[in-house]
Amino acid sequence: MGLANGSLTFFRLFYNENVEYSLADATELLKEYSFDRFYDSSKPLNYGFVPLGYPEVSDFDSAELLFDNTFIFTVRIDEKKISKKFFDIKFEEMKNDFLKQNNKEYLSKSDKDFIKNALTNKMHSQAYPATTLVEVIWEMDNKEIFISSLTNKTFESVVHLFRAAFEVNLFRDSLMETVKRKISEPYKIDDLKNVAPTGF
């Protein structure tokens, strides 16, 4: 879904901070928090900004970002997942090998933690990630941001990136707050919330 394939399914987020960024300032911050800059193959989760339509690069100098006072770019999220059953099998194998190699009869807690961390790092470094591309439309004048996906993982990643890079705290409105923005007398919604149900 999203701009790349012509879909207009987006989710709206808001923020309250009064911020303004020029094209040059936004470009520098997008580069500073780009995907490549913080990528670490040993980490199970990597995310950062990339240009719209070019998830393989993090060069924003030649990217088109600004369209009629609206910034458009992408958040790339790479997540490596390990099968728990497979991990448990390998963990038992490594524990047995460790006992033999070190002439031990049992493993201490620190031994088990060492083996588990070593196995986790090894499996994460060898695993291929699942990639999610979240398209972002930022209407700065309205303090609104539209994103093309809203799973818990994408929401947390986008929120963290915007807080770190642009110093804004994104949030989703409740249903009541959304309705209040749509009507001319929003105080009536608060009155309705305080009305107790009537029995017949």
N, C-alpha and C. Protein backbone atom coordinates (compact mmCIF):
# COMPACT_ATOMS: atom_id res chain seq x y z
N MET A 1 0.83 -1.20 0.00
CA MET A 1 0.00 0.00 0.00
C MET A 1 0.87 1.25 0.00
N GLY A 2 0.31 2.39 -0.46
CA GLY A 2 1.03 3.63 -0.40
C GLY A 2 1.17 4.32 -1.74
N LEU A 3 2.01 5.34 -1.78
CA LEU A 3 2.16 6.15 -2.97
C LEU A 3 2.79 5.39 -4.12
N ALA A 4 3.69 4.46 -3.83
CA ALA A 4 4.43 3.77 -4.87
C ALA A 4 3.53 2.99 -5.82
N ASN A 5 2.43 2.42 -5.28
CA ASN A 5 1.56 1.64 -6.15
C ASN A 5 0.19 2.29 -6.35
N GLY A 6 0.08 3.57 -5.99
CA GLY A 6 -1.15 4.30 -6.24
C GLY A 6 -2.21 4.18 -5.16
N SER A 7 -1.93 3.47 -4.07
CA SER A 7 -2.90 3.35 -3.00
C SER A 7 -2.92 4.61 -2.16
N LEU A 8 -4.09 4.99 -1.68
CA LEU A 8 -4.21 6.17 -0.84
C LEU A 8 -4.63 5.79 0.58
N THR A 9 -4.25 4.61 1.02
CA THR A 9 -4.55 4.17 2.37
C THR A 9 -3.44 4.64 3.30
N PHE A 10 -3.74 5.67 4.11
CA PHE A 10 -2.76 6.22 5.05
C PHE A 10 -3.41 6.42 6.41
N PHE A 11 -2.57 6.48 7.43
CA PHE A 11 -3.03 6.67 8.80
C PHE A 11 -2.48 8.01 9.30
N ARG A 12 -3.33 8.78 9.96
CA ARG A 12 -2.95 10.13 10.35
C ARG A 12 -2.45 10.18 11.79
N LEU A 13 -1.32 10.86 11.98
CA LEU A 13 -0.75 11.11 13.29
C LEU A 13 -0.66 12.61 13.50
N PHE A 14 -0.56 13.02 14.77
CA PHE A 14 -0.53 14.44 15.10
C PHE A 14 0.64 14.73 16.04
N TYR A 15 0.94 16.02 16.18
CA TYR A 15 1.88 16.48 17.21
C TYR A 15 1.50 17.91 17.58
N ASN A 16 1.96 18.34 18.75
CA ASN A 16 1.59 19.67 19.26
C ASN A 16 2.72 20.69 19.19
N GLU A 17 3.95 20.23 18.99
CA GLU A 17 5.09 21.14 19.00
C GLU A 17 5.06 22.11 17.81
N ASN A 18 5.51 23.33 18.04
CA ASN A 18 5.61 24.33 16.97
C ASN A 18 7.01 24.26 16.36
N VAL A 19 7.13 23.54 15.27
CA VAL A 19 8.43 23.39 14.62
C VAL A 19 8.30 23.75 13.14
N GLU A 20 9.36 24.28 12.61
CA GLU A 20 9.45 24.59 11.17
C GLU A 20 10.83 24.20 10.68
N TYR A 21 10.87 23.50 9.56
CA TYR A 21 12.15 23.09 8.99
C TYR A 21 12.18 23.47 7.51
N SER A 22 13.26 24.09 7.13
CA SER A 22 13.47 24.37 5.71
C SER A 22 13.83 23.08 5.00
N LEU A 23 13.83 23.12 3.69
CA LEU A 23 14.21 21.93 2.91
C LEU A 23 15.65 21.52 3.25
N ALA A 24 16.54 22.49 3.38
CA ALA A 24 17.93 22.18 3.69
C ALA A 24 18.07 21.55 5.07
N ASP A 25 17.36 22.11 6.06
CA ASP A 25 17.44 21.57 7.42
C ASP A 25 16.87 20.16 7.48
N ALA A 26 15.72 19.96 6.85
CA ALA A 26 15.09 18.63 6.86
C ALA A 26 15.98 17.61 6.15
N THR A 27 16.62 18.01 5.07
CA THR A 27 17.50 17.10 4.34
C THR A 27 18.66 16.65 5.22
N GLU A 28 19.27 17.57 5.94
CA GLU A 28 20.39 17.23 6.82
C GLU A 28 19.96 16.28 7.93
N LEU A 29 18.78 16.50 8.51
CA LEU A 29 18.30 15.63 9.58
C LEU A 29 17.93 14.24 9.06
N LEU A 30 17.36 14.19 7.86
CA LEU A 30 17.04 12.89 7.27
C LEU A 30 18.32 12.10 6.99
N LYS A 31 19.38 12.78 6.56
CA LYS A 31 20.66 12.10 6.36
C LYS A 31 21.26 11.65 7.67
N GLU A 32 21.14 12.50 8.70
CA GLU A 32 21.72 12.16 10.00
C GLU A 32 21.06 10.94 10.62
N TYR A 33 19.75 10.76 10.36
CA TYR A 33 19.01 9.62 10.90
C TYR A 33 18.59 8.66 9.80
N SER A 34 19.44 8.55 8.80
CA SER A 34 19.15 7.65 7.68
C SER A 34 19.38 6.20 8.07
N PHE A 35 18.82 5.31 7.27
CA PHE A 35 18.91 3.87 7.56
C PHE A 35 20.37 3.40 7.58
N ASP A 36 21.14 3.78 6.58
CA ASP A 36 22.52 3.30 6.48
C ASP A 36 23.40 3.77 7.63
N ARG A 37 23.11 4.96 8.13
CA ARG A 37 23.97 5.55 9.16
C ARG A 37 23.99 4.72 10.44
N PHE A 38 22.85 4.10 10.79
CA PHE A 38 22.76 3.37 12.05
C PHE A 38 22.63 1.86 11.86
N TYR A 39 22.79 1.40 10.61
CA TYR A 39 22.60 -0.03 10.36
C TYR A 39 23.68 -0.86 11.05
N ASP A 40 23.24 -1.94 11.69
CA ASP A 40 24.15 -2.87 12.36
C ASP A 40 23.62 -4.28 12.11
N SER A 41 24.37 -5.08 11.38
CA SER A 41 23.90 -6.41 10.98
C SER A 41 23.66 -7.34 12.16
N SER A 42 24.26 -7.04 13.31
CA SER A 42 24.07 -7.91 14.48
C SER A 42 22.80 -7.59 15.24
N LYS A 43 22.16 -6.47 14.90
CA LYS A 43 20.94 -6.07 15.61
C LYS A 43 19.71 -6.74 14.99
N PRO A 44 18.74 -7.16 15.81
CA PRO A 44 17.53 -7.77 15.25
C PRO A 44 16.61 -6.75 14.57
N LEU A 45 16.75 -5.47 14.93
CA LEU A 45 15.87 -4.45 14.36
C LEU A 45 16.69 -3.22 13.96
N ASN A 46 16.56 -2.83 12.70
CA ASN A 46 17.20 -1.61 12.19
C ASN A 46 16.15 -0.76 11.49
N TYR A 47 16.20 0.55 11.69
CA TYR A 47 15.28 1.42 10.96
C TYR A 47 15.88 2.81 10.82
N GLY A 48 15.40 3.52 9.80
CA GLY A 48 15.89 4.86 9.52
C GLY A 48 15.23 5.41 8.27
N PHE A 49 15.54 6.65 7.95
CA PHE A 49 14.93 7.32 6.81
C PHE A 49 15.63 6.95 5.50
N VAL A 50 14.84 6.82 4.43
CA VAL A 50 15.36 6.65 3.07
C VAL A 50 14.49 7.48 2.13
N PRO A 51 15.01 7.85 0.95
CA PRO A 51 14.19 8.60 -0.01
C PRO A 51 13.02 7.77 -0.52
N LEU A 52 11.94 8.42 -0.84
CA LEU A 52 10.77 7.74 -1.40
C LEU A 52 11.14 7.06 -2.71
N GLY A 53 10.86 5.75 -2.79
CA GLY A 53 11.13 5.00 -4.02
C GLY A 53 12.54 4.48 -4.15
N TYR A 54 13.42 4.81 -3.18
CA TYR A 54 14.82 4.35 -3.25
C TYR A 54 15.26 3.81 -1.88
N PRO A 55 14.69 2.68 -1.46
CA PRO A 55 15.01 2.14 -0.14
C PRO A 55 16.43 1.63 0.01
N GLU A 56 17.14 1.47 -1.11
CA GLU A 56 18.49 0.92 -1.05
C GLU A 56 19.54 1.99 -0.78
N VAL A 57 19.15 3.27 -0.77
CA VAL A 57 20.12 4.35 -0.57
C VAL A 57 19.66 5.26 0.56
N SER A 58 20.59 6.06 1.07
CA SER A 58 20.26 7.04 2.10
C SER A 58 20.78 8.42 1.72
N ASP A 59 20.98 8.65 0.41
CA ASP A 59 21.47 9.92 -0.09
C ASP A 59 20.27 10.82 -0.41
N PHE A 60 20.05 11.84 0.42
CA PHE A 60 18.90 12.71 0.24
C PHE A 60 19.24 13.97 -0.55
N ASP A 61 20.50 14.15 -0.92
CA ASP A 61 20.89 15.38 -1.61
C ASP A 61 20.21 15.52 -2.96
N SER A 62 20.02 14.41 -3.66
CA SER A 62 19.39 14.46 -4.98
C SER A 62 17.94 13.97 -4.96
N ALA A 63 17.42 13.70 -3.76
CA ALA A 63 16.04 13.18 -3.66
C ALA A 63 15.02 14.31 -3.68
N GLU A 64 13.87 14.04 -4.27
CA GLU A 64 12.76 14.99 -4.22
C GLU A 64 12.00 14.79 -2.92
N LEU A 65 12.00 15.82 -2.10
CA LEU A 65 11.39 15.72 -0.77
C LEU A 65 10.18 16.61 -0.58
N LEU A 66 10.22 17.78 -1.18
CA LEU A 66 9.21 18.80 -0.90
C LEU A 66 8.27 18.97 -2.08
N PHE A 67 6.96 18.82 -1.80
CA PHE A 67 5.92 18.98 -2.82
C PHE A 67 4.83 19.88 -2.24
N ASP A 68 4.76 21.13 -2.72
CA ASP A 68 3.74 22.07 -2.25
C ASP A 68 3.72 22.16 -0.72
N ASN A 69 4.86 22.45 -0.11
CA ASN A 69 4.98 22.61 1.34
C ASN A 69 4.72 21.33 2.12
N THR A 70 4.81 20.19 1.45
CA THR A 70 4.61 18.90 2.09
C THR A 70 5.86 18.04 1.87
N PHE A 71 6.43 17.53 2.95
CA PHE A 71 7.58 16.63 2.85
C PHE A 71 7.11 15.20 2.64
N ILE A 72 7.77 14.49 1.74
CA ILE A 72 7.44 13.09 1.46
C ILE A 72 8.73 12.28 1.43
N PHE A 73 8.78 11.23 2.24
CA PHE A 73 9.95 10.34 2.29
C PHE A 73 9.50 9.00 2.86
N THR A 74 10.44 8.13 3.20
CA THR A 74 10.11 6.77 3.64
C THR A 74 10.92 6.40 4.87
N VAL A 75 10.30 5.60 5.74
CA VAL A 75 11.01 4.96 6.84
C VAL A 75 11.20 3.49 6.47
N ARG A 76 12.45 3.04 6.45
CA ARG A 76 12.74 1.63 6.18
C ARG A 76 12.97 0.90 7.51
N ILE A 77 12.28 -0.23 7.67
CA ILE A 77 12.40 -1.03 8.89
C ILE A 77 12.80 -2.44 8.50
N ASP A 78 13.95 -2.89 8.96
CA ASP A 78 14.42 -4.27 8.74
C ASP A 78 14.40 -5.01 10.07
N GLU A 79 13.64 -6.10 10.11
CA GLU A 79 13.53 -6.87 11.35
C GLU A 79 13.88 -8.33 11.10
N LYS A 80 14.80 -8.85 11.91
CA LYS A 80 15.19 -10.25 11.84
C LYS A 80 14.44 -11.03 12.92
N LYS A 81 13.80 -12.11 12.49
CA LYS A 81 13.08 -12.94 13.44
C LYS A 81 13.68 -14.35 13.46
N ILE A 82 13.82 -14.90 14.64
CA ILE A 82 14.41 -16.22 14.82
C ILE A 82 13.35 -17.18 15.33
N SER A 83 13.29 -18.35 14.74
CA SER A 83 12.37 -19.38 15.19
C SER A 83 12.73 -19.82 16.60
N LYS A 84 11.79 -19.75 17.52
CA LYS A 84 12.06 -20.12 18.90
C LYS A 84 12.41 -21.60 19.02
N LYS A 85 11.72 -22.45 18.27
CA LYS A 85 12.00 -23.88 18.35
C LYS A 85 13.41 -24.18 17.85
N PHE A 86 13.78 -23.54 16.73
CA PHE A 86 15.12 -23.75 16.20
C PHE A 86 16.18 -23.22 17.17
N PHE A 87 15.89 -22.07 17.78
CA PHE A 87 16.82 -21.49 18.75
C PHE A 87 17.01 -22.44 19.93
N ASP A 88 15.91 -23.01 20.44
CA ASP A 88 16.00 -23.91 21.59
C ASP A 88 16.83 -25.15 21.28
N ILE A 89 16.68 -25.67 20.05
CA ILE A 89 17.47 -26.84 19.65
C ILE A 89 18.96 -26.50 19.63
N LYS A 90 19.31 -25.38 19.00
CA LYS A 90 20.70 -24.97 18.93
C LYS A 90 21.27 -24.63 20.31
N PHE A 91 20.43 -24.09 21.16
CA PHE A 91 20.86 -23.73 22.51
C PHE A 91 21.26 -24.98 23.30
N GLU A 92 20.46 -26.04 23.17
CA GLU A 92 20.79 -27.30 23.86
C GLU A 92 22.08 -27.90 23.30
N GLU A 93 22.25 -27.83 21.98
CA GLU A 93 23.47 -28.35 21.35
C GLU A 93 24.70 -27.59 21.85
N MET A 94 24.59 -26.27 21.93
CA MET A 94 25.73 -25.47 22.36
C MET A 94 26.03 -25.68 23.84
N LYS A 95 25.02 -25.90 24.63
CA LYS A 95 25.26 -26.17 26.06
C LYS A 95 26.00 -27.49 26.23
N ASN A 96 25.60 -28.51 25.49
CA ASN A 96 26.29 -29.81 25.57
C ASN A 96 27.74 -29.69 25.10
N ASP A 97 27.95 -28.97 24.00
CA ASP A 97 29.32 -28.77 23.51
C ASP A 97 30.17 -28.01 24.52
N PHE A 98 29.59 -27.05 25.16
CA PHE A 98 30.31 -26.24 26.15
C PHE A 98 30.74 -27.10 27.33
N LEU A 99 29.85 -27.98 27.78
CA LEU A 99 30.19 -28.87 28.89
C LEU A 99 31.37 -29.78 28.54
N LYS A 100 31.33 -30.33 27.32
CA LYS A 100 32.40 -31.24 26.91
C LYS A 100 33.73 -30.51 26.75
N GLN A 101 33.68 -29.35 26.11
CA GLN A 101 34.91 -28.62 25.84
C GLN A 101 35.57 -28.09 27.11
N ASN A 102 34.78 -27.85 28.14
CA ASN A 102 35.32 -27.27 29.36
C ASN A 102 35.35 -28.26 30.54
N ASN A 103 35.08 -29.54 30.22
CA ASN A 103 35.11 -30.59 31.25
C ASN A 103 34.26 -30.23 32.47
N LYS A 104 33.05 -29.79 32.20
CA LYS A 104 32.13 -29.42 33.27
C LYS A 104 30.98 -30.42 33.35
N GLU A 105 30.41 -30.52 34.57
CA GLU A 105 29.26 -31.39 34.75
C GLU A 105 27.95 -30.60 34.73
N TYR A 106 28.06 -29.33 35.02
CA TYR A 106 26.86 -28.49 34.97
C TYR A 106 27.24 -27.08 34.56
N LEU A 107 26.23 -26.31 34.16
CA LEU A 107 26.44 -24.94 33.71
C LEU A 107 25.95 -23.95 34.75
N SER A 108 26.74 -22.94 35.00
CA SER A 108 26.31 -21.86 35.89
C SER A 108 25.38 -20.92 35.11
N LYS A 109 24.75 -20.00 35.82
CA LYS A 109 23.88 -19.03 35.17
C LYS A 109 24.68 -18.17 34.20
N SER A 110 25.87 -17.77 34.59
CA SER A 110 26.70 -16.95 33.70
C SER A 110 27.11 -17.72 32.45
N ASP A 111 27.33 -19.05 32.58
CA ASP A 111 27.63 -19.89 31.42
C ASP A 111 26.46 -19.89 30.44
N LYS A 112 25.26 -20.09 30.99
CA LYS A 112 24.07 -20.14 30.13
C LYS A 112 23.83 -18.79 29.45
N ASP A 113 24.03 -17.70 30.20
CA ASP A 113 23.85 -16.37 29.62
C ASP A 113 24.86 -16.12 28.50
N PHE A 114 26.09 -16.55 28.73
CA PHE A 114 27.14 -16.38 27.72
C PHE A 114 26.78 -17.14 26.44
N ILE A 115 26.34 -18.39 26.59
CA ILE A 115 25.98 -19.22 25.44
C ILE A 115 24.77 -18.63 24.71
N LYS A 116 23.78 -18.19 25.47
CA LYS A 116 22.57 -17.63 24.86
C LYS A 116 22.89 -16.36 24.07
N ASN A 117 23.70 -15.49 24.64
CA ASN A 117 24.06 -14.25 23.95
C ASN A 117 24.87 -14.54 22.69
N ALA A 118 25.79 -15.49 22.79
CA ALA A 118 26.61 -15.84 21.63
C ALA A 118 25.75 -16.42 20.51
N LEU A 119 24.80 -17.27 20.87
CA LEU A 119 23.92 -17.87 19.88
C LEU A 119 23.00 -16.83 19.26
N THR A 120 22.47 -15.94 20.08
CA THR A 120 21.58 -14.89 19.59
C THR A 120 22.30 -14.00 18.58
N ASN A 121 23.50 -13.55 18.93
CA ASN A 121 24.28 -12.70 18.03
C ASN A 121 24.62 -13.42 16.72
N LYS A 122 24.96 -14.71 16.83
CA LYS A 122 25.31 -15.48 15.64
C LYS A 122 24.10 -15.63 14.72
N MET A 123 22.96 -15.95 15.29
CA MET A 123 21.77 -16.17 14.46
C MET A 123 21.27 -14.86 13.85
N HIS A 124 21.36 -13.77 14.59
CA HIS A 124 20.95 -12.48 14.05
C HIS A 124 21.87 -12.04 12.92
N SER A 125 23.16 -12.30 13.06
CA SER A 125 24.11 -11.88 12.02
C SER A 125 23.94 -12.70 10.74
N GLN A 126 23.42 -13.92 10.85
CA GLN A 126 23.26 -14.79 9.69
C GLN A 126 21.86 -14.72 9.08
N ALA A 127 20.91 -14.19 9.82
CA ALA A 127 19.52 -14.18 9.35
C ALA A 127 19.28 -13.05 8.35
N TYR A 128 18.34 -13.27 7.43
CA TYR A 128 17.91 -12.23 6.51
C TYR A 128 16.70 -11.51 7.09
N PRO A 129 16.66 -10.20 7.00
CA PRO A 129 15.55 -9.46 7.61
C PRO A 129 14.31 -9.42 6.72
N ALA A 130 13.18 -9.18 7.36
CA ALA A 130 11.96 -8.82 6.65
C ALA A 130 11.92 -7.30 6.61
N THR A 131 11.75 -6.73 5.41
CA THR A 131 11.81 -5.28 5.24
C THR A 131 10.40 -4.69 5.08
N THR A 132 10.15 -3.63 5.83
CA THR A 132 8.90 -2.87 5.73
C THR A 132 9.24 -1.45 5.32
N LEU A 133 8.55 -0.93 4.32
CA LEU A 133 8.74 0.44 3.87
C LEU A 133 7.50 1.25 4.22
N VAL A 134 7.69 2.24 5.08
CA VAL A 134 6.58 3.07 5.55
C VAL A 134 6.69 4.44 4.89
N GLU A 135 5.78 4.73 4.00
CA GLU A 135 5.80 6.03 3.33
C GLU A 135 5.25 7.10 4.26
N VAL A 136 5.88 8.27 4.24
CA VAL A 136 5.54 9.34 5.17
C VAL A 136 5.19 10.61 4.39
N ILE A 137 4.05 11.19 4.71
CA ILE A 137 3.65 12.50 4.17
C ILE A 137 3.53 13.45 5.36
N TRP A 138 4.34 14.50 5.36
CA TRP A 138 4.40 15.41 6.50
C TRP A 138 3.86 16.77 6.09
N GLU A 139 2.67 17.11 6.60
CA GLU A 139 2.08 18.42 6.37
C GLU A 139 2.39 19.29 7.59
N MET A 140 3.47 20.03 7.51
CA MET A 140 3.96 20.78 8.66
C MET A 140 3.00 21.89 9.07
N ASP A 141 2.32 22.50 8.10
CA ASP A 141 1.40 23.60 8.42
C ASP A 141 0.26 23.14 9.32
N ASN A 142 -0.16 21.87 9.15
CA ASN A 142 -1.29 21.34 9.92
C ASN A 142 -0.86 20.50 11.11
N LYS A 143 0.46 20.34 11.30
CA LYS A 143 0.99 19.48 12.37
C LYS A 143 0.45 18.06 12.23
N GLU A 144 0.44 17.56 11.00
CA GLU A 144 -0.08 16.23 10.71
C GLU A 144 0.96 15.42 9.93
N ILE A 145 0.99 14.13 10.21
CA ILE A 145 1.85 13.22 9.49
C ILE A 145 1.03 12.00 9.10
N PHE A 146 1.10 11.62 7.83
CA PHE A 146 0.37 10.46 7.33
C PHE A 146 1.38 9.35 7.04
N ILE A 147 1.10 8.14 7.52
CA ILE A 147 1.99 7.01 7.26
C ILE A 147 1.20 5.87 6.63
N SER A 148 1.88 5.08 5.81
CA SER A 148 1.19 4.06 5.00
C SER A 148 1.00 2.74 5.72
N SER A 149 1.49 2.63 6.96
CA SER A 149 1.32 1.38 7.72
C SER A 149 1.26 1.75 9.20
N LEU A 150 0.47 1.01 9.96
CA LEU A 150 0.33 1.35 11.38
C LEU A 150 0.26 0.11 12.25
N THR A 151 1.22 -0.78 12.10
CA THR A 151 1.37 -1.86 13.08
C THR A 151 2.08 -1.27 14.30
N ASN A 152 2.12 -2.02 15.39
CA ASN A 152 2.82 -1.53 16.58
C ASN A 152 4.28 -1.24 16.28
N LYS A 153 4.91 -2.13 15.50
CA LYS A 153 6.33 -1.96 15.20
C LYS A 153 6.58 -0.71 14.37
N THR A 154 5.76 -0.49 13.34
CA THR A 154 5.98 0.69 12.49
C THR A 154 5.68 1.96 13.27
N PHE A 155 4.65 1.95 14.07
CA PHE A 155 4.29 3.14 14.86
C PHE A 155 5.42 3.51 15.82
N GLU A 156 5.94 2.52 16.54
CA GLU A 156 7.03 2.77 17.50
C GLU A 156 8.28 3.29 16.79
N SER A 157 8.59 2.72 15.63
CA SER A 157 9.79 3.14 14.90
C SER A 157 9.65 4.57 14.39
N VAL A 158 8.51 4.89 13.80
CA VAL A 158 8.28 6.24 13.27
C VAL A 158 8.27 7.26 14.41
N VAL A 159 7.61 6.93 15.51
CA VAL A 159 7.56 7.84 16.65
C VAL A 159 8.96 8.12 17.19
N HIS A 160 9.76 7.07 17.33
CA HIS A 160 11.12 7.24 17.84
C HIS A 160 11.97 8.10 16.90
N LEU A 161 11.88 7.84 15.60
CA LEU A 161 12.67 8.61 14.64
C LEU A 161 12.30 10.08 14.64
N PHE A 162 11.02 10.39 14.67
CA PHE A 162 10.59 11.78 14.64
C PHE A 162 10.94 12.51 15.93
N ARG A 163 10.88 11.79 17.05
CA ARG A 163 11.27 12.42 18.31
C ARG A 163 12.76 12.74 18.31
N ALA A 164 13.57 11.80 17.82
CA ALA A 164 15.02 11.99 17.82
C ALA A 164 15.46 13.02 16.78
N ALA A 165 14.90 12.94 15.59
CA ALA A 165 15.37 13.80 14.49
C ALA A 165 14.73 15.18 14.51
N PHE A 166 13.42 15.25 14.71
CA PHE A 166 12.70 16.51 14.53
C PHE A 166 12.12 17.09 15.82
N GLU A 167 12.34 16.37 16.94
CA GLU A 167 11.89 16.85 18.26
C GLU A 167 10.39 17.08 18.32
N VAL A 168 9.63 16.16 17.73
CA VAL A 168 8.17 16.18 17.85
C VAL A 168 7.69 14.84 18.39
N ASN A 169 6.63 14.88 19.16
CA ASN A 169 6.06 13.68 19.76
C ASN A 169 4.76 13.33 19.05
N LEU A 170 4.79 12.29 18.25
CA LEU A 170 3.63 11.88 17.48
C LEU A 170 2.64 11.09 18.33
N PHE A 171 1.36 11.26 18.02
CA PHE A 171 0.34 10.49 18.72
C PHE A 171 -0.86 10.30 17.81
N ARG A 172 -1.66 9.32 18.17
CA ARG A 172 -2.94 9.09 17.49
C ARG A 172 -4.05 9.63 18.36
N ASP A 173 -5.02 10.28 17.75
CA ASP A 173 -6.17 10.77 18.51
C ASP A 173 -7.13 9.64 18.82
N SER A 174 -7.81 9.77 19.95
CA SER A 174 -8.89 8.85 20.26
C SER A 174 -10.07 9.14 19.34
N LEU A 175 -11.03 8.22 19.29
CA LEU A 175 -12.22 8.42 18.46
C LEU A 175 -12.95 9.70 18.87
N MET A 176 -13.07 9.94 20.18
CA MET A 176 -13.77 11.12 20.66
C MET A 176 -13.09 12.40 20.18
N GLU A 177 -11.75 12.44 20.27
CA GLU A 177 -11.03 13.64 19.85
C GLU A 177 -11.16 13.86 18.35
N THR A 178 -11.18 12.79 17.58
CA THR A 178 -11.35 12.92 16.14
C THR A 178 -12.71 13.49 15.81
N VAL A 179 -13.77 13.00 16.47
CA VAL A 179 -15.13 13.50 16.24
C VAL A 179 -15.23 14.97 16.65
N LYS A 180 -14.58 15.34 17.76
CA LYS A 180 -14.65 16.72 18.24
C LYS A 180 -14.06 17.69 17.24
N ARG A 181 -13.05 17.25 16.50
CA ARG A 181 -12.45 18.12 15.50
C ARG A 181 -13.35 18.30 14.29
N LYS A 182 -14.28 17.35 14.10
CA LYS A 182 -15.12 17.37 12.89
C LYS A 182 -16.39 18.19 13.08
N ILE A 183 -16.79 18.46 14.31
CA ILE A 183 -18.06 19.14 14.53
C ILE A 183 -17.82 20.57 14.98
N SER A 184 -18.83 21.41 14.82
CA SER A 184 -18.68 22.83 15.11
C SER A 184 -18.74 23.13 16.60
N GLU A 185 -19.38 22.27 17.40
CA GLU A 185 -19.50 22.50 18.84
C GLU A 185 -18.94 21.30 19.60
N PRO A 186 -17.62 21.18 19.69
CA PRO A 186 -16.99 19.99 20.27
C PRO A 186 -17.33 19.73 21.73
N TYR A 187 -17.74 20.78 22.47
CA TYR A 187 -18.06 20.59 23.88
C TYR A 187 -19.23 19.62 24.07
N LYS A 188 -20.07 19.47 23.04
CA LYS A 188 -21.22 18.56 23.15
C LYS A 188 -20.77 17.11 23.29
N ILE A 189 -19.62 16.78 22.71
CA ILE A 189 -19.09 15.42 22.85
C ILE A 189 -18.76 15.14 24.31
N ASP A 190 -18.16 16.11 25.00
CA ASP A 190 -17.86 15.94 26.42
C ASP A 190 -19.14 15.79 27.24
N ASP A 191 -20.18 16.52 26.85
CA ASP A 191 -21.46 16.39 27.55
C ASP A 191 -22.03 14.99 27.38
N LEU A 192 -21.93 14.44 26.16
CA LEU A 192 -22.45 13.10 25.90
C LEU A 192 -21.72 12.04 26.71
N LYS A 193 -20.41 12.23 26.90
CA LYS A 193 -19.62 11.25 27.64
C LYS A 193 -20.05 11.15 29.09
N ASN A 194 -20.66 12.22 29.59
CA ASN A 194 -21.06 12.25 31.01
C ASN A 194 -22.51 11.83 31.22
N VAL A 195 -23.19 11.50 30.13
CA VAL A 195 -24.59 11.09 30.26
C VAL A 195 -24.66 9.59 30.60
N ALA A 196 -25.34 9.25 31.69
CA ALA A 196 -25.47 7.84 32.09
C ALA A 196 -26.54 7.18 31.26
N PRO A 197 -26.39 5.90 30.92
CA PRO A 197 -27.43 5.18 30.15
C PRO A 197 -28.72 5.09 30.95
N THR A 198 -29.83 5.14 30.24
CA THR A 198 -31.15 5.13 30.89
C THR A 198 -31.80 3.77 30.69
N GLY A 199 -32.32 3.18 31.76
CA GLY A 199 -33.01 1.90 31.67
C GLY A 199 -34.48 2.10 31.37
N PHE A 200 -35.06 1.12 30.76
CA PHE A 200 -36.49 1.20 30.43
C PHE A 200 -37.23 0.14 31.20
